[in-house]
Every structure is written in structure tokens, then in C-alpha cells.
């Protein structure tokens, strides 16, 4: 036995049982607690606790704290969870690659997009997903809704294989295609002081004095020439809508997403002819070795989308 062998660190062999326990752990983290993970796992809280105890005994570390103080990961737990993401991502990639080799689309495809896409008349995302499922019925589609910066980072890390997101910039080492432009307009709720003010009285100075609800991922720069007073921020359109309906803020929403509330009289567009902008959207996927499933979903989305003008 040479010196390198004598001093090599012990490696923990990973069995099928360990993989099942690690998947339980990953689900608990994703659900942020034992109780919240019961439905996703189809297990009682007592069974989940037993699995976690066995995993911690197997790894000989404490992975998380749970109790009256809430659920949170230990430092070791965070490291194990990051390793789990890499491990299961590699397994999914292997299954997809194997499906490519044998000529069928299979495995898991991770797709992410921002919220408020269902009302977008340019996208027809539901039709694209139906077309993809017809072409690849054996592929398990994991569909996530997240903020643009999460989607961009996830595409780089491999957490997502395909993303649909605003396109001010394209993540490095990816391919992207412009799909459409989404019109964003300024709105306020029916209980806001500006709701009944005529458009010609909505001067930049007046609007700049109102509490503004922006996006957490947007730079706090003037929009449409107005330096808004940021008093709230959210990464999602639904969060913005709730803030506007409170009557406390003004803010931008996609025109298609706000249409129902405008028709119901709960929202009002503010000087839409001069206080609006077009947000370009792109579909993006990894530049190197994208799976056939990722290309198939991308193709379906492009085919079902109304081309930008």
C-alpha cells in the first residue's frame, strides 16, 4: 500500500437506499419543512422524520433543525443539498442522453418561465406544451415559474434546460431566439388617488411623487423618463397586481395581464399613450449539447408563438 492510498480520504458508497433518502431530503428542502413535504412525498410526518434520522445516521452529520423555531438547514445540510442538486441533475442528464442514444425522447426536461404567461396572446404556451407532449410523451416535464435572475442562473447551473424570459441580455454559453414583445403599461387601483385624475393632469412630477411598486430584478432607473419613488418591489406580476389593488401604489403590468382587472373597473391605465414600453422575450437553452427534448420543446414554443412585429 503506497502513501497516497494510506492517506486517501474515506469515500461513502452510495446505495439505492441512500438515493431514496437523499430524494426525500431534497423534497423536504424544496417544500421548506417536514409537514409541507407530506403531500409531495405521500408520507406521514412520522415516516419522513424516520427517513431523515436514517439519512443523518448514515452520513453522520446533522442536516437540518426542525421544531418550534422552524425548519432550516445546517451548514452541512446546505452542502449536502447542493451535492444532491448536482447528483440528481446528472442522473436526469444521463436518462435524457440514454433516450437520445436509443432514439426516443425520454428522461426529465426542466423548463422555467416568468409568471403571467397564461394570458399572453402572443405566446400560446399551452398549445406548445400540448404539441411537445404529443411528440415526446415519455418525457417528464418539470415546469417552474421563477424570477428572471433565477431563470438565468438556473440555465447556467443546469437547473433548467430551457427558459422563457425577458431578453435585455442573453446568459453566456446559451443559444437564444427572440419570440415576442410584451407591452407594459402603468396602472393604479380603484382606491388610489390618481384613479379619477384625467390623463392630461398626470405630469411627470405628479407621478414621481406617488409610491411606486417595481420589480426586484429591475435597476432603479427612470422609466419612460420618470424617476419613480420605489416603495415596494416584487419579482412577480401577481405580487405587483396585489400591490396595485391595495390602492397604495402605482406600477407597471403586462397589458394582457391587467386587462381583466381594467374591464372590471379595479385597475386603471395611467396615460397609456406615453407611459408604456415593450419588453422583448426570448427562449434560451444551453449552447453545448442541448438534449433532443430541450430542442423539441423549444421548437414547439417557437412554432406556436406569434412572431414579433
Protein backbone atom coordinates (compact mmCIF):
# COMPACT_ATOMS: atom_id res chain seq x y z
CA UNK A 1 0.00 0.00 0.00
CA UNK A 2 1.57 3.30 -1.05
CA UNK A 3 1.39 6.59 0.80
CA UNK A 4 -1.31 8.01 -1.46
CA UNK A 5 -3.54 5.01 -0.74
CA UNK A 6 -2.89 5.13 3.01
CA UNK A 7 -3.86 8.81 3.26
CA UNK A 8 -6.74 8.86 0.76
CA UNK A 9 -9.94 10.09 2.43
CA UNK A 10 -12.73 7.60 3.06
CA UNK A 11 -15.48 7.71 0.48
CA UNK A 12 -19.05 6.93 1.42
CA UNK A 13 -20.52 4.37 -1.02
CA UNK A 14 -23.96 5.43 -2.29
CA UNK A 15 -26.62 2.72 -2.46
CA UNK A 16 -30.14 2.74 -3.89
CA UNK A 17 -31.42 3.25 -0.34
CA UNK A 18 -29.21 6.32 0.04
CA UNK A 19 -30.58 7.77 -3.20
CA UNK A 20 -34.14 7.35 -1.95
CA UNK A 21 -33.26 9.03 1.34
CA UNK A 22 -31.48 11.87 -0.47
CA UNK A 23 -34.54 12.42 -2.67
CA UNK A 24 -36.68 12.64 0.47
CA UNK A 25 -34.24 15.18 1.87
CA UNK A 26 -34.28 17.22 -1.36
CA UNK A 27 -38.08 17.28 -1.37
CA UNK A 28 -38.16 18.43 2.25
CA UNK A 29 -35.82 21.31 1.39
CA UNK A 30 -37.87 22.23 -1.69
CA UNK A 31 -41.06 22.28 0.42
CA UNK A 32 -39.29 24.06 3.31
CA UNK A 33 -40.25 21.61 6.01
CA UNK A 34 -41.39 18.15 7.01
CA UNK A 35 -45.08 18.96 7.27
CA UNK A 36 -45.18 20.78 3.94
CA UNK A 37 -43.47 17.84 2.21
CA UNK A 38 -46.08 15.25 3.22
CA UNK A 39 -48.26 15.63 0.11
CA UNK A 40 -45.33 15.71 -2.30
CA UNK A 41 -43.79 12.58 -0.77
CA UNK A 42 -47.03 10.75 0.01
CA UNK A 43 -45.72 10.05 3.51
CA UNK A 44 -46.76 10.87 7.05
CA UNK A 45 -44.63 13.32 9.01
CA UNK A 46 -43.52 10.47 11.28
CA UNK A 47 -42.27 8.45 8.28
CA UNK A 48 -40.43 11.48 6.91
CA UNK A 49 -38.77 12.01 10.30
CA UNK A 50 -37.68 8.36 10.34
CA UNK A 51 -36.14 8.66 6.87
CA UNK A 52 -34.29 11.81 7.85
CA UNK A 53 -32.96 10.20 11.00
CA UNK A 54 -31.66 7.25 8.98
CA UNK A 55 -30.00 9.59 6.47
CA UNK A 56 -28.32 11.63 9.19
CA UNK A 57 -27.13 8.45 10.87
CA UNK A 58 -25.80 7.22 7.54
CA UNK A 59 -23.94 10.49 6.83
CA UNK A 60 -23.01 11.06 10.48
CA UNK A 61 -23.97 14.75 10.30
CA UNK A 62 -26.95 16.85 11.34
CA UNK A 63 -28.60 18.10 8.14
CA UNK A 64 -31.36 20.34 9.46
CA UNK A 65 -33.00 21.75 12.54
CA UNK A 66 -36.74 21.33 12.94
CA UNK A 67 -39.05 22.33 15.73
CA UNK A 68 -40.79 25.37 17.15
CA UNK A 69 -38.09 27.60 15.74
CA UNK A 70 -38.98 26.45 12.23
CA UNK A 71 -37.09 24.49 9.60
CA UNK A 72 -33.60 25.45 8.47
CA UNK A 73 -30.53 23.70 7.10
CA UNK A 74 -27.25 23.36 8.94
CA UNK A 75 -24.04 24.24 7.12
CA UNK A 76 -23.55 20.53 6.39
CA UNK A 77 -27.15 20.29 5.24
CA UNK A 78 -26.66 23.09 2.72
CA UNK A 79 -23.57 21.36 1.34
CA UNK A 80 -25.37 18.03 1.06
CA UNK A 81 -28.35 19.69 -0.64
CA UNK A 82 -26.09 21.35 -3.20
CA UNK A 83 -24.48 17.97 -3.86
CA UNK A 84 -27.97 16.45 -4.24
CA UNK A 85 -28.85 19.01 -6.91
CA UNK A 86 -25.70 18.12 -8.83
CA UNK A 87 -26.31 14.40 -8.39
CA UNK A 88 -29.93 14.35 -9.50
CA UNK A 89 -29.19 16.76 -12.32
CA UNK A 90 -26.54 14.35 -13.56
CA UNK A 91 -28.96 11.43 -13.31
CA UNK A 92 -31.59 13.33 -15.29
CA UNK A 93 -28.98 14.26 -17.89
CA UNK A 94 -27.91 10.61 -18.15
CA UNK A 95 -31.50 9.44 -18.62
CA UNK A 96 -32.08 12.05 -21.32
CA UNK A 97 -28.81 11.18 -23.08
CA UNK A 98 -29.67 7.48 -22.94
CA UNK A 99 -33.03 8.22 -24.53
CA UNK A 100 -31.25 10.12 -27.28
CA UNK A 101 -28.99 7.13 -27.93
CA UNK A 102 -31.85 4.63 -28.26
CA UNK A 103 -33.85 7.00 -30.46
CA UNK A 104 -36.70 8.02 -28.17
CA UNK A 105 -37.31 11.19 -26.22
CA UNK A 106 -37.37 10.30 -22.54
CA UNK A 107 -35.99 11.38 -19.19
CA UNK A 108 -36.75 14.66 -17.44
CA UNK A 109 -36.86 18.10 -19.02
CA UNK A 110 -36.69 21.16 -16.75
CA UNK A 111 -38.40 24.25 -18.13
CA UNK A 112 -38.73 27.62 -16.43
CA UNK A 113 -40.55 30.82 -17.25
CA UNK A 114 -41.73 34.00 -15.56
CA UNK A 115 -45.30 34.33 -14.34
CA UNK A 116 -48.32 35.89 -16.11
CA UNK A 117 -47.72 33.95 -19.31
CA UNK A 118 -51.13 32.28 -19.49
CA UNK A 119 -52.89 35.46 -20.65
CA UNK A 120 -50.26 36.41 -23.24
CA UNK A 121 -51.94 36.19 -26.68
CA UNK A 122 -48.58 36.10 -28.49
CA UNK A 123 -47.25 33.02 -26.71
CA UNK A 124 -49.87 30.22 -26.78
CA UNK A 125 -47.73 28.32 -24.29
CA UNK A 126 -50.48 25.79 -23.53
CA UNK A 127 -50.61 24.80 -27.21
CA UNK A 128 -46.83 24.48 -27.34
CA UNK A 129 -46.80 22.17 -24.33
CA UNK A 130 -49.58 20.06 -25.86
CA UNK A 131 -47.59 19.77 -29.09
CA UNK A 132 -44.45 18.83 -27.15
CA UNK A 133 -46.30 16.15 -25.20
CA UNK A 134 -47.59 14.61 -28.42
CA UNK A 135 -44.02 14.47 -29.75
CA UNK A 136 -42.41 13.30 -26.51
CA UNK A 137 -44.99 11.53 -24.31
CA UNK A 138 -42.29 9.70 -22.33
CA UNK A 139 -40.53 12.87 -21.23
CA UNK A 140 -41.32 14.08 -17.71
CA UNK A 141 -41.72 17.85 -17.90
CA UNK A 142 -40.77 19.79 -14.77
CA UNK A 143 -42.35 23.24 -15.19
CA UNK A 144 -41.24 26.04 -12.88
CA UNK A 145 -42.23 29.70 -12.56
CA UNK A 146 -39.46 31.96 -11.25
CA UNK A 147 -37.96 35.44 -11.45
CA UNK A 148 -35.73 36.27 -14.45
CA UNK A 149 -32.49 36.26 -12.47
CA UNK A 150 -33.34 32.81 -11.07
CA UNK A 151 -34.05 31.51 -14.57
CA UNK A 152 -30.81 32.95 -15.93
CA UNK A 153 -28.73 31.49 -13.11
CA UNK A 154 -30.57 28.18 -13.35
CA UNK A 155 -29.85 27.89 -17.06
CA UNK A 156 -26.14 28.36 -16.38
CA UNK A 157 -26.08 25.89 -13.48
CA UNK A 158 -28.12 23.25 -15.30
CA UNK A 159 -31.16 23.55 -13.05
CA UNK A 160 -33.14 24.48 -16.18
CA UNK A 161 -32.64 23.12 -19.68
CA UNK A 162 -34.95 25.62 -21.38
CA UNK A 163 -36.11 29.04 -20.12
CA UNK A 164 -38.53 31.66 -21.38
CA UNK A 165 -37.65 35.09 -20.01
CA UNK A 166 -37.30 38.81 -20.74
CA UNK A 167 -34.41 39.46 -23.10
CA UNK A 168 -32.42 42.56 -22.12
CA UNK A 169 -29.38 40.28 -22.14
CA UNK A 170 -28.63 36.67 -23.01
CA UNK A 171 -26.92 34.37 -20.48
CA UNK A 172 -23.44 33.33 -21.59
CA UNK A 173 -22.91 29.92 -23.21
CA UNK A 174 -26.53 29.75 -24.33
CA UNK A 175 -28.50 29.98 -27.53
CA UNK A 176 -31.50 32.29 -27.61
CA UNK A 177 -34.24 33.32 -30.01
CA UNK A 178 -36.47 36.37 -29.77
CA UNK A 179 -40.12 35.36 -29.53
CA UNK A 180 -42.32 38.40 -28.95
CA UNK A 181 -42.61 41.83 -27.34
CA UNK A 182 -44.81 42.30 -24.29
CA UNK A 183 -46.32 45.75 -23.75
CA UNK A 184 -46.04 47.02 -20.17
CA UNK A 185 -48.24 49.90 -19.06
CA UNK A 186 -48.58 51.97 -15.89
CA UNK A 187 -51.60 51.24 -13.67
CA UNK A 188 -53.20 52.13 -10.36
CA UNK A 189 -56.02 50.52 -8.37
CA UNK A 190 -59.50 51.93 -7.94
CA UNK A 191 -58.70 53.12 -4.39
CA UNK A 192 -55.63 55.10 -5.48
CA UNK A 193 -55.89 58.94 -5.51
CA UNK A 194 -54.94 59.01 -9.21
CA UNK A 195 -57.73 56.68 -10.31
CA UNK A 196 -60.03 59.54 -11.32
CA UNK A 197 -57.40 62.05 -12.44
CA UNK A 198 -57.52 62.82 -16.20
CA UNK A 199 -54.53 61.70 -18.22
CA UNK A 200 -53.54 65.23 -19.20
CA UNK A 201 -53.08 66.09 -15.50
CA UNK A 202 -50.72 63.15 -14.90
CA UNK A 203 -47.50 65.12 -15.12
CA UNK A 204 -44.09 63.52 -14.55
CA UNK A 205 -43.74 65.45 -11.27
CA UNK A 206 -47.10 64.17 -10.00
CA UNK A 207 -46.30 60.57 -10.91
CA UNK A 208 -42.81 60.80 -9.40
CA UNK A 209 -44.39 61.69 -6.04
CA UNK A 210 -46.51 58.52 -5.91
CA UNK A 211 -45.39 55.36 -4.12
CA UNK A 212 -44.17 53.02 -6.83
CA UNK A 213 -44.17 49.19 -6.90
CA UNK A 214 -41.31 47.91 -9.06
CA UNK A 215 -39.63 44.58 -9.80
CA UNK A 216 -36.87 43.26 -7.58
CA UNK A 217 -34.77 42.44 -10.66
CA UNK A 218 -35.09 45.86 -12.34
CA UNK A 219 -32.47 48.58 -11.88
CA UNK A 220 -33.92 51.60 -10.12
CA UNK A 221 -33.51 53.87 -13.09
CA UNK A 222 -36.05 56.26 -14.65
CA UNK A 223 -38.79 54.50 -16.64
CA UNK A 224 -40.46 56.36 -19.51
CA UNK A 225 -38.48 59.40 -18.36
CA UNK A 226 -39.86 59.35 -14.80
CA UNK A 227 -37.76 58.80 -11.69
CA UNK A 228 -40.34 56.83 -9.71
CA UNK A 229 -40.39 56.70 -5.90
CA UNK A 230 -39.77 53.00 -5.18
CA UNK A 231 -41.69 51.99 -2.06
CA UNK A 232 -42.33 48.30 -2.81
CA UNK A 233 -40.84 45.60 -5.01
CA UNK A 234 -41.74 42.04 -6.03
CA UNK A 235 -40.33 39.62 -8.63
CA UNK A 236 -43.75 38.50 -9.87
CA UNK A 237 -46.64 40.06 -11.79
CA UNK A 238 -49.18 38.66 -9.33
CA UNK A 239 -47.35 40.39 -6.50
CA UNK A 240 -47.42 43.67 -8.44
CA UNK A 241 -51.14 43.26 -9.13
CA UNK A 242 -51.91 42.76 -5.44
CA UNK A 243 -49.87 45.83 -4.54
CA UNK A 244 -51.74 47.92 -7.10
CA UNK A 245 -55.15 46.66 -6.00
CA UNK A 246 -54.29 47.80 -2.48
CA UNK A 247 -54.60 51.39 -3.71
CA UNK A 248 -51.27 52.32 -2.15
CA UNK A 249 -49.03 52.10 -5.23
CA UNK A 250 -48.73 52.64 -8.95
CA UNK A 251 -46.75 50.26 -11.12
CA UNK A 252 -46.27 48.54 -14.46
CA UNK A 253 -48.02 45.37 -15.58
CA UNK A 254 -48.26 43.50 -18.88
CA UNK A 255 -51.24 44.91 -20.75
CA UNK A 256 -52.72 41.45 -21.37
CA UNK A 257 -52.40 40.50 -17.69
CA UNK A 258 -54.08 43.71 -16.45
CA UNK A 259 -56.93 43.58 -18.99
CA UNK A 260 -59.40 41.62 -16.85
CA UNK A 261 -58.97 43.93 -13.85
CA UNK A 262 -59.27 47.01 -16.09
CA UNK A 263 -62.51 45.70 -17.59
CA UNK A 264 -63.85 45.02 -14.09
CA UNK A 265 -63.03 48.59 -13.03
CA UNK A 266 -60.49 47.57 -10.39
CA UNK A 267 -57.46 48.89 -12.32
CA UNK A 268 -56.94 51.93 -14.49
CA UNK A 269 -54.22 52.55 -17.04
CA UNK A 270 -52.39 55.84 -16.49
CA UNK A 271 -51.66 57.81 -19.67
CA UNK A 272 -51.06 54.63 -21.64
CA UNK A 273 -50.19 56.51 -24.81
CA UNK A 274 -46.99 57.87 -23.23
CA UNK A 275 -46.33 55.67 -20.19
CA UNK A 276 -45.65 52.26 -21.70
CA UNK A 277 -42.74 50.22 -23.02
CA UNK A 278 -42.21 46.97 -24.90
CA UNK A 279 -40.38 44.15 -23.12
CA UNK A 280 -38.71 41.64 -25.51
CA UNK A 281 -38.93 37.94 -24.58
CA UNK A 282 -36.61 35.12 -25.61
CA UNK A 283 -36.44 31.35 -25.45
CA UNK A 284 -32.99 30.13 -24.39
CA UNK A 285 -31.20 26.81 -23.88
CA UNK A 286 -27.66 25.55 -23.39
CA UNK A 287 -25.27 26.19 -26.27
CA UNK A 288 -23.33 22.97 -25.79
CA UNK A 289 -25.04 19.59 -26.23
CA UNK A 290 -28.68 20.53 -25.65
CA UNK A 291 -30.85 17.42 -25.34
CA UNK A 292 -33.24 16.44 -28.10
CA UNK A 293 -36.09 17.03 -25.64
CA UNK A 294 -34.90 20.60 -25.00
CA UNK A 295 -34.75 21.25 -28.73
CA UNK A 296 -38.19 19.70 -29.23
CA UNK A 297 -39.77 21.93 -26.57
CA UNK A 298 -38.01 24.98 -27.96
CA UNK A 299 -39.25 24.17 -31.45
CA UNK A 300 -42.83 23.70 -30.20
CA UNK A 301 -42.80 27.04 -28.38
CA UNK A 302 -41.39 28.86 -31.41
CA UNK A 303 -43.92 27.25 -33.75
CA UNK A 304 -46.90 28.17 -31.54
CA UNK A 305 -45.74 31.73 -30.85
CA UNK A 306 -46.95 34.70 -32.87
CA UNK A 307 -43.83 36.16 -34.48
CA UNK A 308 -42.72 39.58 -33.18
CA UNK A 309 -43.58 42.53 -35.36
